[in-house]
Amino acid sequence: MLTFEKVFSVFSPFLTENGIYEIVSTSHGHTVLEWDSRAQEWISVKLCATPEKLAETLLDDLTGYLEYKATLGRRDLTYDDMAQINAQRQEYIAKLR
């Protein structure tokens, strides 16, 4: 059974390295906030009422981060980039099980 604690444990390295996401507990569930340091404002807010939704949201955020890291926003992703990103995603998915 997936728990919030397990999701936090699995994604902790990504959240620490990336530094733009904060997760807060609210009365409606955990909320993922994305910070834009240039504009000095929150640019994305996603409510995650279940551990599965939190894992899905963080996996999507991780994917975007890995894509940016691979290209630095200067080129299109190559097939090799996509394969490496998929492999890293699969590692996270395996840890969630």
PDB file of N, CA and C in Angstrom:
ATOM      1  N   MET A   1       0.838  -1.183   0.000  1.00  0.00           N
ATOM      2  CA  MET A   1       0.000   0.000   0.000  1.00  0.00           C
ATOM      3  C   MET A   1       0.883   1.247   0.000  1.00  0.00           C
ATOM      4  N   LEU A   2       0.605   2.142  -0.905  1.00  0.00           N
ATOM      5  CA  LEU A   2       1.373   3.375  -1.023  1.00  0.00           C
ATOM      6  C   LEU A   2       0.920   4.377   0.035  1.00  0.00           C
ATOM      7  N   THR A   3       1.889   4.992   0.700  1.00  0.00           N
ATOM      8  CA  THR A   3       1.596   6.001   1.718  1.00  0.00           C
ATOM      9  C   THR A   3       2.271   7.305   1.340  1.00  0.00           C
ATOM     10  N   PHE A   4       1.803   8.391   1.951  1.00  0.00           N
ATOM     11  CA  PHE A   4       2.453   9.680   1.728  1.00  0.00           C
ATOM     12  C   PHE A   4       3.917   9.620   2.164  1.00  0.00           C
ATOM     13  N   GLU A   5       4.179   8.939   3.278  1.00  0.00           N
ATOM     14  CA  GLU A   5       5.547   8.840   3.783  1.00  0.00           C
ATOM     15  C   GLU A   5       6.465   8.162   2.769  1.00  0.00           C
ATOM     16  N   LYS A   6       5.966   7.120   2.125  1.00  0.00           N
ATOM     17  CA  LYS A   6       6.778   6.419   1.126  1.00  0.00           C
ATOM     18  C   LYS A   6       7.046   7.328  -0.073  1.00  0.00           C
ATOM     19  N   VAL A   7       6.023   8.060  -0.518  1.00  0.00           N
ATOM     20  CA  VAL A   7       6.203   8.982  -1.646  1.00  0.00           C
ATOM     21  C   VAL A   7       7.253  10.037  -1.295  1.00  0.00           C
ATOM     22  N   PHE A   8       7.157  10.594  -0.092  1.00  0.00           N
ATOM     23  CA  PHE A   8       8.140  11.597   0.331  1.00  0.00           C
ATOM     24  C   PHE A   8       9.544  10.996   0.372  1.00  0.00           C
ATOM     25  N   SER A   9       9.646   9.790   0.864  1.00  0.00           N
ATOM     26  CA  SER A   9      10.948   9.123   0.951  1.00  0.00           C
ATOM     27  C   SER A   9      11.556   8.905  -0.434  1.00  0.00           C
ATOM     28  N   VAL A  10      10.752   8.425  -1.368  1.00  0.00           N
ATOM     29  CA  VAL A  10      11.239   8.126  -2.721  1.00  0.00           C
ATOM     30  C   VAL A  10      11.645   9.404  -3.453  1.00  0.00           C
ATOM     31  N   PHE A  11      10.851  10.462  -3.322  1.00  0.00           N
ATOM     32  CA  PHE A  11      11.097  11.680  -4.089  1.00  0.00           C
ATOM     33  C   PHE A  11      11.961  12.707  -3.349  1.00  0.00           C
ATOM     34  N   SER A  12      12.366  12.402  -2.146  1.00  0.00           N
ATOM     35  CA  SER A  12      13.181  13.342  -1.364  1.00  0.00           C
ATOM     36  C   SER A  12      14.441  13.813  -2.098  1.00  0.00           C
ATOM     37  N   PRO A  13      15.222  12.924  -2.730  1.00  0.00           N
ATOM     38  CA  PRO A  13      16.415  13.392  -3.447  1.00  0.00           C
ATOM     39  C   PRO A  13      16.072  14.386  -4.571  1.00  0.00           C
ATOM     40  N   PHE A  14      15.013  14.108  -5.317  1.00  0.00           N
ATOM     41  CA  PHE A  14      14.589  15.008  -6.386  1.00  0.00           C
ATOM     42  C   PHE A  14      14.155  16.359  -5.820  1.00  0.00           C
ATOM     43  N   LEU A  15      13.363  16.343  -4.770  1.00  0.00           N
ATOM     44  CA  LEU A  15      12.871  17.596  -4.196  1.00  0.00           C
ATOM     45  C   LEU A  15      14.018  18.432  -3.624  1.00  0.00           C
ATOM     46  N   THR A  16      14.992  17.777  -3.047  1.00  0.00           N
ATOM     47  CA  THR A  16      16.153  18.481  -2.493  1.00  0.00           C
ATOM     48  C   THR A  16      17.011  19.067  -3.613  1.00  0.00           C
ATOM     49  N   GLU A  17      17.288  18.272  -4.643  1.00  0.00           N
ATOM     50  CA  GLU A  17      18.129  18.734  -5.750  1.00  0.00           C
ATOM     51  C   GLU A  17      17.470  19.865  -6.526  1.00  0.00           C
ATOM     52  N   ASN A  18      16.193  19.713  -6.810  1.00  0.00           N
ATOM     53  CA  ASN A  18      15.480  20.675  -7.645  1.00  0.00           C
ATOM     54  C   ASN A  18      15.253  21.984  -6.906  1.00  0.00           C
ATOM     55  N   GLY A  19      14.712  21.914  -5.722  1.00  0.00           N
ATOM     56  CA  GLY A  19      14.544  23.090  -4.885  1.00  0.00           C
ATOM     57  C   GLY A  19      13.420  24.047  -5.241  1.00  0.00           C
ATOM     58  N   ILE A  20      12.644  23.761  -6.276  1.00  0.00           N
ATOM     59  CA  ILE A  20      11.581  24.701  -6.621  1.00  0.00           C
ATOM     60  C   ILE A  20      10.200  24.233  -6.170  1.00  0.00           C
ATOM     61  N   TYR A  21      10.117  23.028  -5.646  1.00  0.00           N
ATOM     62  CA  TYR A  21       8.836  22.501  -5.197  1.00  0.00           C
ATOM     63  C   TYR A  21       8.776  22.466  -3.683  1.00  0.00           C
ATOM     64  N   GLU A  22       7.620  22.833  -3.161  1.00  0.00           N
ATOM     65  CA  GLU A  22       7.334  22.672  -1.744  1.00  0.00           C
ATOM     66  C   GLU A  22       6.035  21.915  -1.628  1.00  0.00           C
ATOM     67  N   ILE A  23       5.965  21.059  -0.648  1.00  0.00           N
ATOM     68  CA  ILE A  23       4.741  20.305  -0.419  1.00  0.00           C
ATOM     69  C   ILE A  23       4.242  20.650   0.973  1.00  0.00           C
ATOM     70  N   VAL A  24       2.996  21.093   1.037  1.00  0.00           N
ATOM     71  CA  VAL A  24       2.402  21.463   2.315  1.00  0.00           C
ATOM     72  C   VAL A  24       1.150  20.626   2.553  1.00  0.00           C
ATOM     73  N   SER A  25       0.916  20.324   3.803  1.00  0.00           N
ATOM     74  CA  SER A  25      -0.273  19.588   4.181  1.00  0.00           C
ATOM     75  C   SER A  25      -1.386  20.595   4.442  1.00  0.00           C
ATOM     76  N   THR A  26      -2.521  20.387   3.795  1.00  0.00           N
ATOM     77  CA  THR A  26      -3.674  21.270   3.987  1.00  0.00           C
ATOM     78  C   THR A  26      -4.859  20.417   4.444  1.00  0.00           C
ATOM     79  N   SER A  27      -5.944  21.077   4.756  1.00  0.00           N
ATOM     80  CA  SER A  27      -7.135  20.347   5.203  1.00  0.00           C
ATOM     81  C   SER A  27      -7.733  19.498   4.092  1.00  0.00           C
ATOM     82  N   HIS A  28      -7.351  19.754   2.842  1.00  0.00           N
ATOM     83  CA  HIS A  28      -7.883  19.001   1.708  1.00  0.00           C
ATOM     84  C   HIS A  28      -6.913  17.949   1.181  1.00  0.00           C
ATOM     85  N   GLY A  29      -5.709  17.912   1.712  1.00  0.00           N
ATOM     86  CA  GLY A  29      -4.691  16.973   1.254  1.00  0.00           C
ATOM     87  C   GLY A  29      -3.355  17.673   1.097  1.00  0.00           C
ATOM     88  N   HIS A  30      -2.386  16.977   0.556  1.00  0.00           N
ATOM     89  CA  HIS A  30      -1.075  17.571   0.318  1.00  0.00           C
ATOM     90  C   HIS A  30      -1.133  18.411  -0.959  1.00  0.00           C
ATOM     91  N   THR A  31      -0.475  19.559  -0.909  1.00  0.00           N
ATOM     92  CA  THR A  31      -0.471  20.480  -2.040  1.00  0.00           C
ATOM     93  C   THR A  31       0.966  20.711  -2.485  1.00  0.00           C
ATOM     94  N   VAL A  32       1.205  20.537  -3.777  1.00  0.00           N
ATOM     95  CA  VAL A  32       2.526  20.748  -4.359  1.00  0.00           C
ATOM     96  C   VAL A  32       2.551  22.151  -4.953  1.00  0.00           C
ATOM     97  N   LEU A  33       3.483  22.965  -4.474  1.00  0.00           N
ATOM     98  CA  LEU A  33       3.656  24.335  -4.952  1.00  0.00           C
ATOM     99  C   LEU A  33       4.945  24.424  -5.752  1.00  0.00           C
ATOM    100  N   GLU A  34       4.885  25.094  -6.898  1.00  0.00           N
ATOM    101  CA  GLU A  34       6.075  25.275  -7.734  1.00  0.00           C
ATOM    102  C   GLU A  34       6.441  26.754  -7.739  1.00  0.00           C
ATOM    103  N   TRP A  35       7.689  27.066  -7.402  1.00  0.00           N
ATOM    104  CA  TRP A  35       8.164  28.427  -7.248  1.00  0.00           C
ATOM    105  C   TRP A  35       8.937  28.897  -8.473  1.00  0.00           C
ATOM    106  N   ASP A  36       8.650  30.103  -8.939  1.00  0.00           N
ATOM    107  CA  ASP A  36       9.408  30.736 -10.019  1.00  0.00           C
ATOM    108  C   ASP A  36      10.275  31.810  -9.379  1.00  0.00           C
ATOM    109  N   SER A  37      11.566  31.547  -9.296  1.00  0.00           N
ATOM    110  CA  SER A  37      12.466  32.477  -8.605  1.00  0.00           C
ATOM    111  C   SER A  37      12.637  33.791  -9.357  1.00  0.00           C
ATOM    112  N   ARG A  38      12.495  33.771 -10.660  1.00  0.00           N
ATOM    113  CA  ARG A  38      12.615  35.026 -11.428  1.00  0.00           C
ATOM    114  C   ARG A  38      11.449  35.958 -11.162  1.00  0.00           C
ATOM    115  N   ALA A  39      10.244  35.412 -11.219  1.00  0.00           N
ATOM    116  CA  ALA A  39       9.048  36.229 -11.011  1.00  0.00           C
ATOM    117  C   ALA A  39       8.718  36.390  -9.529  1.00  0.00           C
ATOM    118  N   GLN A  40       9.386  35.599  -8.680  1.00  0.00           N
ATOM    119  CA  GLN A  40       9.148  35.621  -7.247  1.00  0.00           C
ATOM    120  C   GLN A  40       7.676  35.353  -6.918  1.00  0.00           C
ATOM    121  N   GLU A  41       7.144  34.258  -7.512  1.00  0.00           N
ATOM    122  CA  GLU A  41       5.767  33.886  -7.230  1.00  0.00           C
ATOM    123  C   GLU A  41       5.569  32.390  -7.470  1.00  0.00           C
ATOM    124  N   TRP A  42       4.491  31.866  -6.909  1.00  0.00           N
ATOM    125  CA  TRP A  42       4.113  30.479  -7.148  1.00  0.00           C
ATOM    126  C   TRP A  42       3.488  30.410  -8.524  1.00  0.00           C
ATOM    127  N   ILE A  43       3.969  29.485  -9.349  1.00  0.00           N
ATOM    128  CA  ILE A  43       3.442  29.390 -10.713  1.00  0.00           C
ATOM    129  C   ILE A  43       2.557  28.172 -10.913  1.00  0.00           C
ATOM    130  N   SER A  44       2.564  27.263  -9.963  1.00  0.00           N
ATOM    131  CA  SER A  44       1.746  26.070 -10.081  1.00  0.00           C
ATOM    132  C   SER A  44       1.365  25.589  -8.688  1.00  0.00           C
ATOM    133  N   VAL A  45       0.111  25.210  -8.544  1.00  0.00           N
ATOM    134  CA  VAL A  45      -0.386  24.663  -7.285  1.00  0.00           C
ATOM    135  C   VAL A  45      -1.233  23.446  -7.634  1.00  0.00           C
ATOM    136  N   LYS A  46      -0.857  22.288  -7.081  1.00  0.00           N
ATOM    137  CA  LYS A  46      -1.579  21.048  -7.390  1.00  0.00           C
ATOM    138  C   LYS A  46      -1.963  20.351  -6.092  1.00  0.00           C
ATOM    139  N   LEU A  47      -3.266  20.137  -5.909  1.00  0.00           N
ATOM    140  CA  LEU A  47      -3.766  19.414  -4.751  1.00  0.00           C
ATOM    141  C   LEU A  47      -3.663  17.915  -5.014  1.00  0.00           C
ATOM    142  N   CYS A  48      -3.115  17.185  -4.054  1.00  0.00           N
ATOM    143  CA  CYS A  48      -2.952  15.739  -4.173  1.00  0.00           C
ATOM    144  C   CYS A  48      -3.589  15.092  -2.942  1.00  0.00           C
ATOM    145  N   ALA A  49      -4.815  14.635  -3.100  1.00  0.00           N
ATOM    146  CA  ALA A  49      -5.577  14.098  -1.974  1.00  0.00           C
ATOM    147  C   ALA A  49      -5.161  12.691  -1.577  1.00  0.00           C
ATOM    148  N   THR A  50      -4.497  11.984  -2.472  1.00  0.00           N
ATOM    149  CA  THR A  50      -4.081  10.605  -2.187  1.00  0.00           C
ATOM    150  C   THR A  50      -2.585  10.452  -2.440  1.00  0.00           C
ATOM    151  N   PRO A  51      -1.968   9.453  -1.837  1.00  0.00           N
ATOM    152  CA  PRO A  51      -0.550   9.189  -2.119  1.00  0.00           C
ATOM    153  C   PRO A  51      -0.307   8.896  -3.599  1.00  0.00           C
ATOM    154  N   GLU A  52      -1.241   8.218  -4.233  1.00  0.00           N
ATOM    155  CA  GLU A  52      -1.093   7.905  -5.654  1.00  0.00           C
ATOM    156  C   GLU A  52      -1.069   9.172  -6.501  1.00  0.00           C
ATOM    157  N   LYS A  53      -1.940  10.123  -6.182  1.00  0.00           N
ATOM    158  CA  LYS A  53      -1.971  11.390  -6.924  1.00  0.00           C
ATOM    159  C   LYS A  53      -0.695  12.184  -6.673  1.00  0.00           C
ATOM    160  N   LEU A  54      -0.189  12.169  -5.444  1.00  0.00           N
ATOM    161  CA  LEU A  54       1.062  12.861  -5.138  1.00  0.00           C
ATOM    162  C   LEU A  54       2.214  12.232  -5.919  1.00  0.00           C
ATOM    163  N   ALA A  55       2.265  10.912  -5.960  1.00  0.00           N
ATOM    164  CA  ALA A  55       3.324  10.224  -6.706  1.00  0.00           C
ATOM    165  C   ALA A  55       3.235  10.556  -8.186  1.00  0.00           C
ATOM    166  N   GLU A  56       2.034  10.553  -8.744  1.00  0.00           N
ATOM    167  CA  GLU A  56       1.837  10.879 -10.157  1.00  0.00           C
ATOM    168  C   GLU A  56       2.282  12.310 -10.460  1.00  0.00           C
ATOM    169  N   THR A  57       1.915  13.238  -9.598  1.00  0.00           N
ATOM    170  CA  THR A  57       2.285  14.644  -9.786  1.00  0.00           C
ATOM    171  C   THR A  57       3.798  14.821  -9.724  1.00  0.00           C
ATOM    172  N   LEU A  58       4.430  14.205  -8.723  1.00  0.00           N
ATOM    173  CA  LEU A  58       5.880  14.343  -8.589  1.00  0.00           C
ATOM    174  C   LEU A  58       6.622  13.629  -9.711  1.00  0.00           C
ATOM    175  N   LEU A  59       6.083  12.535 -10.206  1.00  0.00           N
ATOM    176  CA  LEU A  59       6.697  11.841 -11.338  1.00  0.00           C
ATOM    177  C   LEU A  59       6.649  12.728 -12.583  1.00  0.00           C
ATOM    178  N   ASP A  60       5.533  13.414 -12.794  1.00  0.00           N
ATOM    179  CA  ASP A  60       5.424  14.360 -13.916  1.00  0.00           C
ATOM    180  C   ASP A  60       6.421  15.506 -13.759  1.00  0.00           C
ATOM    181  N   ASP A  61       6.523  16.038 -12.528  1.00  0.00           N
ATOM    182  CA  ASP A  61       7.465  17.132 -12.272  1.00  0.00           C
ATOM    183  C   ASP A  61       8.905  16.668 -12.470  1.00  0.00           C
ATOM    184  N   LEU A  62       9.206  15.463 -12.002  1.00  0.00           N
ATOM    185  CA  LEU A  62      10.533  14.883 -12.191  1.00  0.00           C
ATOM    186  C   LEU A  62      10.859  14.756 -13.671  1.00  0.00           C
ATOM    187  N   THR A  63       9.907  14.295 -14.451  1.00  0.00           N
ATOM    188  CA  THR A  63      10.121  14.125 -15.888  1.00  0.00           C
ATOM    189  C   THR A  63      10.467  15.453 -16.549  1.00  0.00           C
ATOM    190  N   GLY A  64       9.702  16.488 -16.242  1.00  0.00           N
ATOM    191  CA  GLY A  64       9.993  17.813 -16.790  1.00  0.00           C
ATOM    192  C   GLY A  64      11.365  18.312 -16.376  1.00  0.00           C
ATOM    193  N   TYR A  65      11.723  18.059 -15.129  1.00  0.00           N
ATOM    194  CA  TYR A  65      13.033  18.476 -14.629  1.00  0.00           C
ATOM    195  C   TYR A  65      14.153  17.739 -15.360  1.00  0.00           C
ATOM    196  N   LEU A  66      13.995  16.427 -15.540  1.00  0.00           N
ATOM    197  CA  LEU A  66      15.019  15.640 -16.237  1.00  0.00           C
ATOM    198  C   LEU A  66      15.146  16.061 -17.699  1.00  0.00           C
ATOM    199  N   GLU A  67      14.015  16.376 -18.318  1.00  0.00           N
ATOM    200  CA  GLU A  67      14.048  16.847 -19.702  1.00  0.00           C
ATOM    201  C   GLU A  67      14.805  18.164 -19.798  1.00  0.00           C
ATOM    202  N   TYR A  68      14.539  19.071 -18.882  1.00  0.00           N
ATOM    203  CA  TYR A  68      15.247  20.348 -18.898  1.00  0.00           C
ATOM    204  C   TYR A  68      16.737  20.141 -18.623  1.00  0.00           C
ATOM    205  N   LYS A  69      17.033  19.304 -17.650  1.00  0.00           N
ATOM    206  CA  LYS A  69      18.429  19.038 -17.301  1.00  0.00           C
ATOM    207  C   LYS A  69      19.203  18.454 -18.483  1.00  0.00           C
ATOM    208  N   ALA A  70      18.545  17.618 -19.278  1.00  0.00           N
ATOM    209  CA  ALA A  70      19.203  16.982 -20.425  1.00  0.00           C
ATOM    210  C   ALA A  70      19.509  17.979 -21.531  1.00  0.00           C
ATOM    211  N   THR A  71      18.673  18.990 -21.688  1.00  0.00           N
ATOM    212  CA  THR A  71      18.819  19.903 -22.830  1.00  0.00           C
ATOM    213  C   THR A  71      19.146  21.339 -22.435  1.00  0.00           C
ATOM    214  N   LEU A  72      18.972  21.653 -21.156  1.00  0.00           N
ATOM    215  CA  LEU A  72      19.111  23.031 -20.658  1.00  0.00           C
ATOM    216  C   LEU A  72      18.242  24.005 -21.458  1.00  0.00           C
ATOM    217  N   GLY A  73      17.181  23.472 -22.044  1.00  0.00           N
ATOM    218  CA  GLY A  73      16.260  24.300 -22.815  1.00  0.00           C
ATOM    219  C   GLY A  73      16.833  24.819 -24.122  1.00  0.00           C
ATOM    220  N   ARG A  74      17.940  24.224 -24.567  1.00  0.00           N
ATOM    221  CA  ARG A  74      18.641  24.731 -25.761  1.00  0.00           C
ATOM    222  C   ARG A  74      18.448  23.875 -27.005  1.00  0.00           C
ATOM    223  N   ARG A  75      17.841  22.702 -26.841  1.00  0.00           N
ATOM    224  CA  ARG A  75      17.676  21.812 -27.992  1.00  0.00           C
ATOM    225  C   ARG A  75      16.520  20.870 -27.727  1.00  0.00           C
ATOM    226  N   ASP A  76      16.107  20.180 -28.774  1.00  0.00           N
ATOM    227  CA  ASP A  76      15.073  19.163 -28.627  1.00  0.00           C
ATOM    228  C   ASP A  76      15.674  17.920 -27.983  1.00  0.00           C
ATOM    229  N   LEU A  77      14.829  17.157 -27.333  1.00  0.00           N
ATOM    230  CA  LEU A  77      15.273  15.893 -26.761  1.00  0.00           C
ATOM    231  C   LEU A  77      15.631  14.909 -27.861  1.00  0.00           C
ATOM    232  N   THR A  78      16.687  14.151 -27.654  1.00  0.00           N
ATOM    233  CA  THR A  78      17.048  13.084 -28.583  1.00  0.00           C
ATOM    234  C   THR A  78      16.429  11.774 -28.085  1.00  0.00           C
ATOM    235  N   TYR A  79      16.491  10.744 -28.913  1.00  0.00           N
ATOM    236  CA  TYR A  79      16.003   9.437 -28.490  1.00  0.00           C
ATOM    237  C   TYR A  79      16.808   8.917 -27.298  1.00  0.00           C
ATOM    238  N   ASP A  80      18.110   9.180 -27.297  1.00  0.00           N
ATOM    239  CA  ASP A  80      18.938   8.770 -26.157  1.00  0.00           C
ATOM    240  C   ASP A  80      18.507   9.490 -24.881  1.00  0.00           C
ATOM    241  N   ASP A  81      18.230  10.801 -24.988  1.00  0.00           N
ATOM    242  CA  ASP A  81      17.739  11.556 -23.830  1.00  0.00           C
ATOM    243  C   ASP A  81      16.468  10.925 -23.284  1.00  0.00           C
ATOM    244  N   MET A  82      15.538  10.655 -24.191  1.00  0.00           N
ATOM    245  CA  MET A  82      14.249  10.093 -23.785  1.00  0.00           C
ATOM    246  C   MET A  82      14.414   8.725 -23.140  1.00  0.00           C
ATOM    247  N   ALA A  83      15.330   7.921 -23.660  1.00  0.00           N
ATOM    248  CA  ALA A  83      15.583   6.595 -23.090  1.00  0.00           C
ATOM    249  C   ALA A  83      16.153   6.715 -21.678  1.00  0.00           C
ATOM    250  N   GLN A  84      17.090   7.636 -21.485  1.00  0.00           N
ATOM    251  CA  GLN A  84      17.678   7.840 -20.158  1.00  0.00           C
ATOM    252  C   GLN A  84      16.636   8.361 -19.168  1.00  0.00           C
ATOM    253  N   ILE A  85      15.815   9.282 -19.621  1.00  0.00           N
ATOM    254  CA  ILE A  85      14.769   9.832 -18.754  1.00  0.00           C
ATOM    255  C   ILE A  85      13.776   8.738 -18.380  1.00  0.00           C
ATOM    256  N   ASN A  86      13.388   7.931 -19.345  1.00  0.00           N
ATOM    257  CA  ASN A  86      12.464   6.834 -19.061  1.00  0.00           C
ATOM    258  C   ASN A  86      13.067   5.842 -18.071  1.00  0.00           C
ATOM    259  N   ALA A  87      14.349   5.569 -18.209  1.00  0.00           N
ATOM    260  CA  ALA A  87      15.018   4.650 -17.281  1.00  0.00           C
ATOM    261  C   ALA A  87      15.001   5.220 -15.863  1.00  0.00           C
ATOM    262  N   GLN A  88      15.254   6.517 -15.729  1.00  0.00           N
ATOM    263  CA  GLN A  88      15.229   7.150 -14.411  1.00  0.00           C
ATOM    264  C   GLN A  88      13.815   7.145 -13.831  1.00  0.00           C
ATOM    265  N   ARG A  89      12.824   7.394 -14.665  1.00  0.00           N
ATOM    266  CA  ARG A  89      11.428   7.329 -14.219  1.00  0.00           C
ATOM    267  C   ARG A  89      11.093   5.930 -13.698  1.00  0.00           C
ATOM    268  N   GLN A  90      11.529   4.922 -14.421  1.00  0.00           N
ATOM    269  CA  GLN A  90      11.252   3.544 -14.033  1.00  0.00           C
ATOM    270  C   GLN A  90      11.880   3.201 -12.685  1.00  0.00           C
ATOM    271  N   GLU A  91      13.049   3.787 -12.403  1.00  0.00           N
ATOM    272  CA  GLU A  91      13.683   3.575 -11.097  1.00  0.00           C
ATOM    273  C   GLU A  91      12.799   4.119  -9.977  1.00  0.00           C
ATOM    274  N   TYR A  92      12.232   5.309 -10.190  1.00  0.00           N
ATOM    275  CA  TYR A  92      11.347   5.896  -9.197  1.00  0.00           C
ATOM    276  C   TYR A  92      10.081   5.055  -9.043  1.00  0.00           C
ATOM    277  N   ILE A  93       9.519   4.621 -10.148  1.00  0.00           N
ATOM    278  CA  ILE A  93       8.302   3.811 -10.112  1.00  0.00           C
ATOM    279  C   ILE A  93       8.554   2.516  -9.354  1.00  0.00           C
ATOM    280  N   ALA A  94       9.700   1.888  -9.586  1.00  0.00           N
ATOM    281  CA  ALA A  94      10.038   0.636  -8.890  1.00  0.00           C
ATOM    282  C   ALA A  94      10.161   0.874  -7.394  1.00  0.00           C
ATOM    283  N   LYS A  95      10.711   1.989  -6.987  1.00  0.00           N
ATOM    284  CA  LYS A  95      10.850   2.292  -5.557  1.00  0.00           C
ATOM    285  C   LYS A  95       9.509   2.545  -4.890  1.00  0.00           C
ATOM    286  N   LEU A  96       8.526   2.974  -5.661  1.00  0.00           N
ATOM    287  CA  LEU A  96       7.196   3.229  -5.096  1.00  0.00           C
ATOM    288  C   LEU A  96       6.429   1.936  -4.812  1.00  0.00           C
ATOM    289  N   ARG A  97       6.838   0.853  -5.429  1.00  0.00           N
ATOM    290  CA  ARG A  97       6.118  -0.431  -5.252  1.00  0.00           C
ATOM    291  C   ARG A  97       6.456  -1.097  -3.964  1.00  0.00           C
TER     292      ARG A  97
END
